Protein backbone atom coordinates (compact mmCIF):
# COMPACT_ATOMS: atom_id res chain seq x y z
CA MET A 1 -18.94 43.80 -61.80
CA GLU A 2 -16.37 43.82 -64.70
CA ALA A 3 -16.33 40.09 -65.36
CA ARG A 4 -20.23 40.20 -65.99
CA ARG A 5 -19.50 43.24 -68.43
CA THR A 6 -16.85 41.84 -70.49
CA GLY A 7 -17.66 38.41 -70.21
CA GLN A 8 -14.13 37.38 -69.43
CA PRO A 9 -12.84 36.44 -66.02
CA VAL A 10 -11.18 39.28 -64.49
CA GLU A 11 -8.30 38.94 -61.78
CA LEU A 12 -8.85 40.47 -58.03
CA VAL A 13 -5.25 42.09 -57.97
CA SER A 14 -6.18 42.73 -54.37
CA GLN A 15 -6.13 38.96 -53.46
CA ARG A 16 -2.72 38.11 -55.19
CA THR A 17 -0.59 36.35 -52.78
CA GLU A 18 2.86 34.64 -53.20
CA THR A 19 1.56 31.19 -53.79
CA SER A 20 -2.09 31.99 -55.60
CA ARG A 21 -3.88 34.00 -58.19
CA THR A 22 -8.06 34.66 -57.92
CA TYR A 23 -10.20 35.72 -60.78
CA ALA A 24 -13.73 37.11 -60.85
CA ASN A 25 -15.78 34.87 -63.40
CA PRO A 26 -18.55 36.10 -65.73
CA ASP A 27 -21.29 33.56 -63.84
CA GLY A 28 -20.76 35.48 -60.39
CA SER A 29 -18.18 32.39 -59.48
CA PHE A 30 -14.55 32.26 -58.64
CA THR A 31 -11.24 31.04 -59.37
CA SER A 32 -8.29 30.68 -57.73
CA GLU A 33 -4.92 29.36 -58.99
CA ILE A 34 -2.83 28.18 -56.11
CA SER A 35 0.71 26.94 -56.31
CA ALA A 36 2.48 24.62 -53.90
CA GLY A 37 5.38 27.39 -53.07
CA PRO A 38 5.79 30.44 -54.06
CA GLU A 39 5.42 32.27 -57.62
CA ARG A 40 5.93 35.50 -57.26
CA VAL A 41 7.46 38.51 -54.61
CA LYS A 42 5.94 41.69 -53.95
CA ARG A 43 8.75 44.90 -54.15
CA ASN A 44 7.58 48.32 -53.88
CA GLY A 45 4.32 47.60 -54.28
CA THR A 46 4.61 45.38 -57.33
CA TRP A 47 4.23 41.45 -57.75
CA HIS A 48 7.28 40.09 -60.12
CA THR A 49 7.35 36.09 -61.27
CA ILE A 50 9.49 34.77 -59.20
CA ASP A 51 13.09 33.89 -61.91
CA ALA A 52 15.96 32.04 -60.38
CA SER A 53 17.75 31.80 -63.79
CA LEU A 54 20.81 33.44 -62.80
CA THR A 55 22.54 36.83 -63.99
CA GLU A 56 26.06 38.72 -63.32
CA ARG A 57 25.17 42.65 -61.40
CA ASN A 58 28.15 43.87 -59.05
CA ASP A 59 30.34 41.60 -59.66
CA MET A 60 28.15 38.82 -58.21
CA LEU A 61 26.01 36.49 -59.34
CA VAL A 62 22.14 37.09 -58.66
CA SER A 63 18.93 35.02 -59.51
CA LYS A 64 17.02 37.57 -61.55
CA VAL A 65 13.90 37.47 -59.41
CA HIS A 66 14.55 35.11 -55.54
CA PRO A 67 12.01 35.29 -52.99
CA HIS A 68 15.46 35.49 -50.68
CA ASP A 69 17.71 37.64 -52.72
CA LEU A 70 20.05 34.88 -53.08
CA ARG A 71 23.41 35.73 -54.24
CA LEU A 72 26.38 33.95 -55.64
CA ASN A 73 30.09 34.51 -56.42
CA ALA A 74 31.26 35.61 -59.33
CA GLY A 75 34.76 34.06 -59.12
CA GLY A 76 37.83 35.21 -57.83
CA GLY A 77 41.77 33.99 -56.38
CA ALA A 78 43.51 31.41 -57.62
CA PRO A 79 42.14 28.03 -56.82
CA PRO A 80 43.83 26.02 -54.76
CA LYS A 81 46.05 23.29 -55.63
CA SER A 82 45.13 20.67 -53.25
CA LEU A 83 42.32 19.59 -50.93
CA LYS A 84 44.76 20.58 -48.27
CA ALA A 85 45.55 23.79 -49.64
CA ALA A 86 42.03 24.89 -49.88
CA GLN A 87 41.98 24.07 -46.15
CA ALA A 88 44.53 26.51 -45.02
CA ALA A 89 42.89 29.40 -47.45
CA GLY A 90 40.91 31.89 -46.09
CA PRO A 91 36.94 32.07 -46.86
CA ARG A 92 34.68 33.43 -49.21
CA ASP A 93 31.43 33.63 -50.06
CA LEU A 94 29.94 31.42 -52.06
CA ALA A 95 25.99 30.92 -51.66
CA SER A 96 23.92 33.34 -49.42
CA MET A 97 20.00 33.46 -48.93
CA GLY A 98 18.01 36.12 -46.91
CA SER A 99 16.21 39.30 -45.95
CA GLY A 100 16.29 41.85 -43.31
CA SER A 101 18.76 41.45 -40.52
CA GLN A 102 18.60 37.70 -41.11
CA ARG A 103 20.78 35.98 -43.42
CA ILE A 104 22.71 32.59 -43.99
CA THR A 105 26.01 32.32 -46.04
CA LEU A 106 27.40 29.57 -47.03
CA GLN A 107 30.93 30.49 -47.36
CA TRP A 108 34.40 28.29 -49.74
CA LYS A 109 37.47 28.11 -48.66
CA GLY A 110 40.37 29.02 -51.32
CA GLY A 111 39.79 30.91 -54.54
CA LEU A 112 36.60 30.43 -57.37
CA PRO A 113 37.46 30.39 -61.11
CA GLU A 114 35.01 32.18 -63.41
CA PRO A 115 31.64 29.95 -63.52
CA GLN A 116 29.73 28.50 -66.05
CA LEU A 117 26.14 29.62 -65.90
CA GLU A 118 23.45 26.82 -67.33
CA GLY A 119 20.26 29.15 -66.67
CA SER A 120 20.22 28.41 -62.57
CA LYS A 121 23.12 26.43 -62.30
CA ALA A 122 26.41 27.95 -61.81
CA THR A 123 29.57 25.69 -62.11
CA TYR A 124 32.63 26.62 -60.93
CA ARG A 125 35.32 24.37 -62.80
CA ASN A 126 38.06 22.52 -60.92
CA ALA A 127 37.48 24.73 -58.29
CA LEU A 128 39.70 21.43 -56.65
CA PRO A 129 42.07 19.79 -58.38
CA GLY A 130 39.58 16.48 -60.17
CA ALA A 131 36.60 18.13 -58.54
CA ASP A 132 33.75 21.05 -59.30
CA VAL A 133 31.95 23.39 -57.20
CA ILE A 134 27.78 23.66 -59.02
CA VAL A 135 25.48 26.24 -56.99
CA GLU A 136 22.09 25.54 -58.24
CA ALA A 137 19.42 28.32 -57.68
CA THR A 138 15.73 26.18 -56.40
CA GLN A 139 12.80 28.18 -55.49
CA THR A 140 13.10 28.28 -52.61
CA GLY A 141 17.03 28.27 -51.64
CA PHE A 142 19.81 26.44 -53.33
CA GLU A 143 21.73 23.52 -53.77
CA GLN A 144 25.00 22.92 -53.23
CA PHE A 145 27.62 19.99 -54.53
CA VAL A 146 30.72 19.20 -54.88
CA MET A 147 31.54 16.84 -58.28
CA LEU A 148 34.07 14.41 -57.78
CA ARG A 149 35.48 13.89 -60.89
CA GLU A 150 38.16 11.08 -60.20
CA ARG A 151 38.67 8.90 -57.21
CA PRO A 152 40.61 10.34 -54.05
CA SER A 153 43.31 8.47 -52.83
CA GLY A 154 42.35 8.50 -49.35
CA GLY A 155 40.06 10.86 -47.32
CA TYR A 156 38.30 13.48 -48.28
CA SER A 157 37.26 15.93 -45.58
CA TYR A 158 36.46 19.30 -45.95
CA THR A 159 34.81 22.30 -44.34
CA LEU A 160 32.46 24.73 -45.27
CA PRO A 161 32.46 28.03 -42.83
CA LEU A 162 28.86 28.90 -42.63
CA LYS A 163 27.50 32.74 -41.30
CA THR A 164 24.53 32.91 -40.05
CA ALA A 165 23.67 36.81 -39.33
CA GLY A 166 20.30 37.58 -36.74
CA LEU A 167 19.68 33.32 -36.77
CA GLN A 168 21.04 30.60 -34.73
CA ALA A 169 22.37 26.92 -36.57
CA GLU A 170 21.13 24.54 -34.57
CA GLU A 171 22.18 20.96 -34.99
CA GLN A 172 19.66 18.07 -35.06
CA ASN A 173 19.94 14.01 -34.25
CA ASP A 174 19.34 13.34 -37.78
CA GLY A 175 22.26 15.45 -39.32
CA SER A 176 20.70 18.41 -40.38
CA VAL A 177 20.58 22.12 -39.42
CA VAL A 178 17.78 23.69 -38.71
CA PHE A 179 18.12 27.94 -38.72
CA THR A 180 16.06 29.69 -35.89
CA ASP A 181 15.26 33.46 -35.46
CA ALA A 182 15.09 35.41 -31.51
CA ALA A 183 11.95 33.98 -31.69
CA GLY A 184 12.53 30.31 -31.74
CA ARG A 185 10.91 30.13 -35.22
CA GLN A 186 12.54 27.64 -37.85
CA ARG A 187 13.66 29.86 -40.91
CA ALA A 188 15.34 27.87 -42.80
CA VAL A 189 16.79 24.15 -43.21
CA MET A 190 19.80 22.25 -44.40
CA PRO A 191 19.06 18.34 -44.22
CA ALA A 192 22.03 16.03 -43.76
CA PRO A 193 24.09 15.61 -46.91
CA VAL A 194 24.16 12.60 -48.77
CA MET A 195 26.29 11.31 -51.74
CA TRP A 196 25.76 8.99 -54.60
CA ASP A 197 27.92 7.89 -57.44
CA ALA A 198 26.98 7.88 -61.63
CA SER A 199 25.11 4.50 -61.45
CA VAL A 200 20.96 4.97 -62.24
CA ASP A 201 18.14 2.44 -61.70
CA GLU A 202 16.91 2.00 -65.03
CA ARG A 203 12.92 2.21 -63.26
CA SER A 204 13.14 4.14 -60.84
CA GLY A 205 15.55 6.92 -62.29
CA LEU A 206 17.15 7.57 -59.30
CA PRO A 207 21.18 7.16 -58.54
CA ALA A 208 21.35 3.30 -57.50
CA ASN A 209 24.32 4.01 -55.23
CA ARG A 210 23.38 6.61 -52.53
CA HIS A 211 25.39 6.77 -49.25
CA ARG A 212 25.05 9.24 -45.96
CA VAL A 213 27.60 11.83 -46.02
CA ASP A 214 28.55 12.85 -42.08
CA MET A 215 28.76 16.64 -40.82
CA ASP A 216 29.68 18.09 -37.94
CA VAL A 217 28.29 21.53 -37.25
CA VAL A 218 31.13 23.54 -34.93
CA PRO A 219 30.50 26.56 -33.78
CA THR A 220 33.85 29.24 -34.44
CA GLY A 221 31.88 32.61 -33.29
CA LYS A 222 28.97 34.36 -32.91
CA ASN A 223 26.25 33.69 -35.37
CA THR A 224 28.99 31.30 -37.01
CA VAL A 225 29.58 28.01 -37.87
CA ASP A 226 32.07 25.42 -39.53
CA LEU A 227 30.17 22.45 -41.49
CA VAL A 228 33.03 19.77 -41.72
CA ILE A 229 31.75 17.31 -44.09
CA ARG A 230 33.34 13.90 -44.24
CA PRO A 231 32.37 11.49 -46.61
CA ASP A 232 33.03 7.64 -46.03
CA GLU A 233 36.81 6.89 -47.70
CA GLY A 234 35.50 3.54 -48.32
CA TRP A 235 32.81 4.26 -50.08
CA LEU A 236 34.52 6.65 -51.89
CA THR A 237 37.95 4.53 -52.80
CA ASP A 238 35.65 1.34 -53.25
CA PRO A 239 36.31 0.16 -56.64
CA ALA A 240 32.59 -0.29 -57.47
CA THR A 241 31.73 3.21 -56.78
CA GLN A 242 31.20 5.19 -60.57
CA TYR A 243 32.89 8.54 -60.76
CA PRO A 244 31.50 11.08 -60.39
CA VAL A 245 30.49 11.34 -56.92
CA THR A 246 28.69 14.22 -56.18
CA ILE A 247 27.77 15.36 -52.46
CA ASP A 248 25.11 17.20 -51.76
CA PRO A 249 24.01 19.56 -48.79
CA SER A 250 21.38 21.85 -50.30
CA THR A 251 19.31 25.08 -47.90
CA SER A 252 15.68 25.93 -48.39
CA ALA A 253 13.74 28.29 -46.58
CA LEU A 254 10.46 27.38 -44.58
CA SER A 255 7.38 29.06 -45.18
CA ASN A 256 3.60 28.76 -44.58
CA THR A 257 3.78 26.29 -47.66
CA PHE A 258 5.80 22.79 -47.54
CA ASP A 259 6.52 19.42 -49.19
CA THR A 260 8.47 16.30 -48.85
CA TYR A 261 8.51 12.97 -49.38
CA VAL A 262 9.41 9.99 -46.74
CA GLN A 263 10.99 6.64 -48.30
CA GLN A 264 11.22 3.21 -46.36
CA GLY A 265 15.34 2.89 -45.13
CA GLU A 266 15.69 6.73 -45.53
CA THR A 267 16.66 8.62 -42.03
CA GLY A 268 17.14 11.50 -43.93
CA ASP A 269 14.81 15.40 -44.84
CA TRP A 270 13.87 15.08 -48.28
CA SER A 271 11.73 18.75 -47.66
CA THR A 272 14.66 21.26 -49.87
CA ASP A 273 14.41 18.58 -52.55
CA THR A 274 13.36 19.34 -56.07
CA GLU A 275 11.07 16.39 -56.24
CA LEU A 276 8.48 14.59 -54.76
CA ASP A 277 8.37 10.74 -55.02
CA PHE A 278 5.56 8.14 -54.70
CA GLY A 279 5.17 4.58 -54.74
CA ASN A 280 7.67 1.34 -54.96
CA PRO A 281 10.53 2.12 -57.25
CA GLY A 282 11.66 -1.33 -57.41
CA THR A 283 14.77 -1.40 -55.62
CA THR A 284 15.41 -2.74 -52.06
CA ASN A 285 16.76 -1.82 -48.55
CA SER A 286 19.66 -4.12 -47.17
CA ASP A 287 17.29 -6.03 -45.53
CA GLY A 288 14.94 -6.72 -48.35
CA THR A 289 12.34 -4.04 -47.54
CA PRO A 290 11.12 -1.55 -50.48
CA ARG A 291 12.26 1.24 -51.13
CA THR A 292 8.74 2.72 -51.25
CA ALA A 293 7.95 6.58 -51.09
CA ARG A 294 5.41 8.70 -50.19
CA SER A 295 4.88 12.46 -50.73
CA PHE A 296 3.27 14.83 -48.47
CA ILE A 297 2.06 19.03 -49.91
CA HIS A 298 0.55 22.02 -47.92
CA TRP A 299 -1.50 24.27 -49.58
CA ASN A 300 -2.22 27.96 -48.74
CA THR A 301 -5.82 27.39 -48.61
CA THR A 302 -6.63 31.15 -47.49
CA PRO A 303 -8.69 32.25 -50.68
CA ILE A 304 -11.00 29.43 -50.16
CA GLN A 305 -11.63 29.87 -46.54
CA ASP A 306 -15.80 29.21 -46.61
CA ALA A 307 -16.41 28.87 -49.98
CA LEU A 308 -18.35 26.58 -51.91
CA ILE A 309 -16.21 24.00 -54.21
CA SER A 310 -17.75 23.15 -57.50
CA SER A 311 -14.60 21.77 -58.75
CA ALA A 312 -10.73 21.23 -57.90
CA LYS A 313 -8.13 20.41 -59.70
CA LEU A 314 -4.79 18.90 -58.50
CA GLU A 315 -2.09 18.98 -61.19
CA LEU A 316 1.90 17.51 -60.71
CA TYR A 317 3.97 17.36 -63.59
CA ASN A 318 5.73 13.72 -63.75
CA PHE A 319 8.83 13.90 -65.33
CA HIS A 320 9.44 9.53 -64.36
CA SER A 321 6.99 7.12 -64.03
CA GLY A 322 7.74 3.07 -63.59
CA ASN A 323 5.57 1.86 -65.96
CA THR A 324 7.02 0.57 -69.14
CA ASP A 325 3.97 -1.58 -70.22
CA CYS A 326 2.00 1.61 -69.98
CA LEU A 327 -0.97 0.31 -68.80
CA ASN A 328 -2.39 1.98 -65.59
CA TYR A 329 -1.30 1.83 -62.40
CA GLY A 330 -3.08 4.03 -59.58
CA TRP A 331 -2.02 6.90 -57.38
CA SER A 332 -3.92 8.47 -54.52
CA VAL A 333 -4.98 11.77 -52.74
CA TRP A 334 -4.97 11.88 -49.23
CA ALA A 335 -6.27 14.14 -46.25
CA THR A 336 -3.09 14.24 -43.79
CA GLY A 337 -1.60 15.35 -40.69
CA ALA A 338 0.80 17.59 -41.20
CA ALA A 339 4.14 17.46 -42.11
CA SER A 340 7.25 18.75 -41.64
CA THR A 341 11.43 18.33 -41.60
CA SER A 342 11.19 15.69 -38.87
CA SER A 343 8.67 13.18 -40.91
CA ARG A 344 10.42 9.99 -41.85
CA TRP A 345 9.10 6.67 -42.91
CA THR A 346 8.86 5.59 -39.30
CA ASN A 347 7.37 8.82 -38.37
CA GLN A 348 4.70 9.55 -40.93
CA PRO A 349 1.65 12.30 -40.67
CA SER A 350 -1.27 10.37 -39.81
CA TRP A 351 -3.13 9.11 -43.09
CA ILE A 352 -6.61 10.51 -42.60
CA ASP A 353 -8.70 9.69 -45.31
CA GLN A 354 -8.59 9.18 -49.16
CA TYR A 355 -10.52 11.50 -51.63
CA ALA A 356 -9.30 10.47 -54.84
CA THR A 357 -7.42 8.25 -57.13
CA SER A 358 -5.98 8.50 -60.69
CA THR A 359 -4.53 6.60 -63.31
CA GLN A 360 -2.74 9.48 -65.08
CA THR A 361 0.81 8.91 -65.73
CA LYS A 362 3.56 10.65 -68.11
CA GLY A 363 7.22 10.74 -67.78
CA ASN A 364 8.05 7.54 -69.61
CA PRO A 365 9.61 7.21 -72.93
CA SER A 366 7.50 4.04 -73.83
CA CYS A 367 4.56 5.64 -72.83
CA GLY A 368 4.88 9.38 -73.52
CA ALA A 369 6.60 12.52 -72.61
CA ASP A 370 7.20 14.55 -68.92
CA GLY A 371 4.30 16.27 -68.52
CA TRP A 372 1.16 17.16 -65.79
CA ILE A 373 -0.83 14.21 -64.44
CA SER A 374 -4.00 15.40 -62.67
CA ALA A 375 -6.85 14.39 -60.14
CA ASP A 376 -10.12 15.66 -59.35
CA VAL A 377 -10.06 16.14 -55.18
CA THR A 378 -13.05 18.70 -55.25
CA ASN A 379 -13.96 16.72 -51.93
CA LEU A 380 -11.15 17.00 -50.19
CA VAL A 381 -10.81 20.94 -51.00
CA GLN A 382 -14.74 21.61 -49.72
CA VAL A 383 -13.38 20.12 -46.11
CA TRP A 384 -10.60 22.25 -46.03
CA ALA A 385 -12.96 25.39 -47.12
CA SER A 386 -15.88 24.28 -44.80
CA ASP A 387 -13.17 23.92 -42.27
CA LYS A 388 -12.12 26.94 -42.88
CA VAL A 389 -8.37 25.88 -42.61
CA ALA A 390 -5.48 28.28 -43.58
CA THR A 391 -3.17 25.15 -44.61
CA GLY A 392 -4.45 22.50 -46.58
CA HIS A 393 -2.65 19.05 -45.93
CA MET A 394 -2.32 16.36 -48.48
CA GLY A 395 -0.28 12.94 -48.98
CA LEU A 396 -0.02 11.10 -52.19
CA ARG A 397 1.22 7.41 -52.60
CA ALA A 398 0.53 4.72 -55.06
CA THR A 399 -2.60 2.35 -54.98
CA THR A 400 -0.45 -0.45 -55.32
CA ALA A 401 2.96 -1.84 -54.61
CA ASP A 402 3.82 -2.64 -58.24
CA ALA A 403 7.19 -1.32 -59.20
CA ARG A 404 5.19 0.08 -62.25
CA ALA A 405 3.04 2.76 -60.31
CA TRP A 406 6.56 4.21 -59.25
CA LYS A 407 6.19 7.80 -59.92
CA ARG A 408 8.39 11.43 -59.43
CA VAL A 409 6.77 14.97 -59.77
CA ASN A 410 8.29 18.42 -59.57
CA SER A 411 8.19 19.92 -55.64
CA ALA A 412 7.82 23.56 -54.98
CA ASN A 413 11.33 23.85 -54.42
CA ASN A 414 11.72 23.40 -58.08
CA THR A 415 12.52 26.15 -60.77
CA ALA A 416 9.74 25.27 -62.89
CA ASN A 417 6.32 23.20 -63.08
CA ARG A 418 5.67 23.14 -59.83
CA PRO A 419 2.25 21.24 -57.81
CA LYS A 420 -1.22 23.63 -58.47
CA LEU A 421 -4.51 23.66 -57.57
CA THR A 422 -7.21 24.92 -59.75
CA VAL A 423 -10.33 25.78 -57.63
CA ASN A 424 -13.57 27.22 -58.64
CA TYR A 425 -16.18 28.04 -56.53
CA ASN A 426 -18.96 30.22 -55.17
CA TYR A 427 -20.21 31.62 -51.70
CA ARG A 428 -23.49 31.00 -49.94
CA PRO A 429 -24.63 34.61 -49.08
CA GLY A 430 -23.79 35.43 -45.11
CA ASN A 431 -26.86 35.94 -42.36
CA GLY A 432 -28.31 38.77 -42.66
CA HIS A 433 -28.45 41.79 -40.53
CA ASP A 434 -30.32 45.52 -40.08
CA THR A 435 -33.73 43.92 -39.80
CA GLN A 436 -36.61 46.33 -39.50
CA ALA A 437 -40.25 47.03 -39.46
CA GLY A 438 -42.37 49.40 -40.62
CA PRO A 439 -43.87 52.22 -41.47
CA PRO A 440 -42.79 54.20 -39.13
CA TYR A 441 -39.80 51.94 -38.77
CA VAL A 442 -39.42 53.21 -35.28
CA LYS A 443 -38.93 51.02 -31.86
CA ASN A 444 -40.54 51.60 -28.72
CA SER A 445 -38.89 51.82 -25.11
CA SER A 446 -38.54 47.88 -24.93
CA GLY A 447 -36.31 48.15 -28.90
CA VAL A 448 -39.74 46.33 -30.26
CA TRP A 449 -40.63 47.99 -33.46
CA VAL A 450 -43.92 49.85 -33.65
CA VAL A 451 -46.02 49.64 -37.41
CA ASP A 452 -48.97 51.12 -37.68
CA THR A 453 -50.71 48.91 -40.34
CA ASP A 454 -51.42 45.20 -40.25
CA GLN A 455 -49.85 45.20 -43.79
CA PRO A 456 -46.34 46.13 -43.03
CA PHE A 457 -42.88 46.07 -44.30
CA LEU A 458 -40.84 43.93 -43.01
CA ARG A 459 -36.75 44.43 -44.27
CA ALA A 460 -33.38 42.37 -43.87
CA THR A 461 -30.00 42.89 -45.87
CA PHE A 462 -27.78 40.61 -46.86
CA ASP A 463 -24.54 40.41 -47.53
CA ASP A 464 -22.87 38.13 -50.49
CA ALA A 465 -18.77 37.35 -51.48
CA ASP A 466 -20.01 37.22 -55.12
CA GLY A 467 -21.62 40.36 -55.33
CA ASP A 468 -24.56 38.47 -56.71
CA MET A 469 -28.04 39.80 -56.64
CA VAL A 470 -29.91 37.94 -53.75
CA ASN A 471 -33.58 38.08 -52.34
CA GLY A 472 -34.79 37.15 -49.11
CA THR A 473 -37.12 34.87 -47.12
CA PHE A 474 -39.31 35.81 -44.39
CA ASP A 475 -40.74 33.66 -41.84
CA ILE A 476 -43.56 35.09 -39.40
CA ARG A 477 -44.89 33.65 -36.22
CA ASP A 478 -46.80 34.74 -33.44
CA ALA A 479 -44.28 36.32 -30.83
CA VAL A 480 -46.52 34.62 -27.66
CA THR A 481 -47.94 31.37 -28.95
CA LYS A 482 -44.77 30.59 -31.62
CA GLU A 483 -46.97 29.64 -34.19
CA LYS A 484 -46.59 30.27 -37.96
CA VAL A 485 -48.13 33.39 -39.81
CA GLY A 486 -49.27 32.56 -43.27
CA ASP A 487 -46.81 31.12 -45.91
CA TYR A 488 -43.06 32.01 -46.17
CA LEU A 489 -42.68 35.22 -47.93
CA VAL A 490 -40.10 36.35 -51.13
CA SER A 491 -38.56 39.13 -51.49
CA ASP A 492 -37.94 40.83 -55.02
CA TRP A 493 -34.13 40.90 -56.21
CA THR A 494 -31.57 42.91 -54.64
CA ALA A 495 -28.52 43.96 -55.00
CA ALA A 496 -26.16 42.21 -52.28
CA GLY A 497 -26.11 44.78 -49.25
CA GLN A 498 -29.37 46.69 -50.13
CA PRO A 499 -32.23 46.05 -47.58
CA THR A 500 -34.37 43.52 -49.62
CA SER A 501 -38.21 43.68 -47.96
CA VAL A 502 -41.61 42.16 -47.90
CA TRP A 503 -45.08 43.25 -47.30
CA VAL A 504 -47.41 41.35 -45.49
CA PRO A 505 -50.87 40.86 -46.97
CA ALA A 506 -54.06 41.36 -45.38
CA ASP A 507 -56.09 39.79 -43.07
CA LEU A 508 -52.52 37.92 -42.16
CA LEU A 509 -51.74 39.94 -38.69
CA THR A 510 -54.22 41.05 -35.74
CA ASN A 511 -54.45 45.20 -34.27
CA GLY A 512 -52.77 44.95 -31.22
CA ARG A 513 -50.67 41.68 -31.25
CA THR A 514 -46.82 41.42 -31.54
CA TYR A 515 -44.98 39.50 -33.72
CA GLU A 516 -41.70 38.13 -34.49
CA PHE A 517 -39.76 37.44 -37.69
CA ARG A 518 -36.65 36.19 -39.35
CA ALA A 519 -35.34 36.09 -42.74
CA SER A 520 -32.66 33.76 -44.84
CA ALA A 521 -30.98 34.87 -48.52
CA TYR A 522 -31.02 33.14 -52.05
CA ASP A 523 -28.47 34.13 -54.28
CA GLY A 524 -29.86 32.02 -57.76
CA THR A 525 -27.47 29.41 -56.72
CA HIS A 526 -26.68 29.10 -53.08
CA TYR A 527 -28.93 29.51 -49.79
CA ASP A 528 -27.95 30.47 -46.81
CA THR A 529 -28.30 28.16 -44.32
CA GLY A 530 -29.26 30.42 -41.59
CA TRP A 531 -31.26 32.62 -40.57
CA THR A 532 -31.26 36.10 -38.91
CA PRO A 533 -31.68 36.43 -34.91
CA TRP A 534 -35.87 37.01 -34.52
CA THR A 535 -37.11 40.32 -34.88
CA LYS A 536 -40.13 41.67 -32.83
CA PHE A 537 -42.94 43.88 -33.97
CA THR A 538 -46.35 45.25 -32.89
CA VAL A 539 -49.11 46.21 -34.71
CA ASP A 540 -50.52 49.24 -33.50
CA GLU A 541 -53.15 51.30 -35.60
CA GLU A 542 -53.77 54.10 -32.88
CA VAL A 543 -50.15 55.58 -33.48
CA PRO A 544 -49.87 58.51 -35.69
CA GLY A 545 -50.74 57.51 -39.65
CA GLY A 546 -52.16 54.03 -38.82
CA GLY A 547 -54.63 52.48 -40.22
CA ASP A 548 -55.00 50.63 -43.82
CA GLY A 549 -52.01 49.30 -45.56
CA PRO A 550 -50.51 49.72 -49.12
CA THR A 551 -52.82 48.52 -51.61
CA ASP A 552 -50.83 47.69 -54.35
CA ARG A 553 -47.73 44.86 -53.76
CA PRO A 554 -44.53 46.85 -54.46
CA SER A 555 -43.16 45.42 -58.01
CA PRO A 556 -40.34 43.57 -58.93
CA THR A 557 -36.74 44.76 -58.43
CA GLY A 558 -35.25 42.57 -61.13
CA GLY A 559 -33.56 39.13 -61.14
CA PRO A 560 -30.30 37.48 -60.61
CA SER A 561 -27.66 37.84 -63.71
């Protein structure tokens, strides 16, 4: 292997996926770096790292590299002079994402000024009088905001036309919209919109005044609907509401990876959010209950199926914490059931077992800058590997109700520092096959090997996913009495995929009797947990060439490296 030759890890490029990279190590082990969300996209046979930052191309704005071909309006036309004029104006595409024949396009009524670009965010200043339109690319979709800089004198209802080529937009009971294909598979989701004002709770870092926004989904034609956004007029005009106010519907594509959080008192879906929260934020609902949050992450665990895990580290980017006294407050990692866009505090996945705890904390200026926190999740990842699951389901929660344990971390939708697993592992050698006995390595009409000596060779071939050298342990029994014959025999070291063999010493076998053997492998680190099926052979020294066996045992062929 190249890794052994150079003494350096070597990526197995053929095993690269949108969420994982796997490396062969010099010692024969493997390391997989697994992300909770897409890190790269394959185009024309070449992998490209996702870069959601915006650039102008062909009279539109695009993310430089996006898994769902995100496109934004580059500006054009005169912005309307009033909300009423905007609603009477014709629509134009604002943000679009999708691939092939399936595409979601959110439109805006009226002209749009040339946007100001900042990384992955486009701001259309004064798209309406006293209001900005903001579109921000995420790793899996986009967020669209209307930011009201001034308090409206009355209601502020507006309509966003939506085109859904190849998809059906289905309004859910919670006010969200799910996009399904012709086979009924969910392809994307738009949670029910919310709005918040400029006030921020110091301990939680969250908006202190957040309010649900009503949204009607009105069919207007084939694959077209109107999203009628109706913010609460009383909340908007309340003197206690601090401006600017942000109104936020967002859209994300769904895949085999997924994350979300639930929060006591919240009834909406947070699967498109760019953060995950867990713990007690120190704020309460109207009934006095704490607004405690818990998070869920789905991992693509295909790269580590059936592996023997030597270590696994979970890393989360912690950008806000509640521990102002800089003491240790724990958080825990659990095996859970599967989360979904329907998960809520009152409808959580099952919490199966706790597998890890950590007190690592970042994201509070009093105690440390934003940064990575980690937990040892070796035992949990081993469960996933042993069960050969394609998706591992993980839950995060605080170990105490103390608000100082509150944490906010980046989610898989974030354009930077997404949750990740680093897993080191090996494989057991595979079960043996192609068992033989000889010489002369022939079978009789009953399918039993016939050997011409009482000192034959027994063979078995073992595969090993690590490409290690292997040896075989051979167990011989009398085929009739089932009594063990002699001690276990161990072969020399042999390259995986090549036959291993043992020579049966003199005085163990009797001419004319039938025996059976089985074999199991060892790669220098791990034993195969099973044996080959029993293979029968008969000693018949009367066959041509029969007689005494070899006088010298074969010399070793090498050892593990």
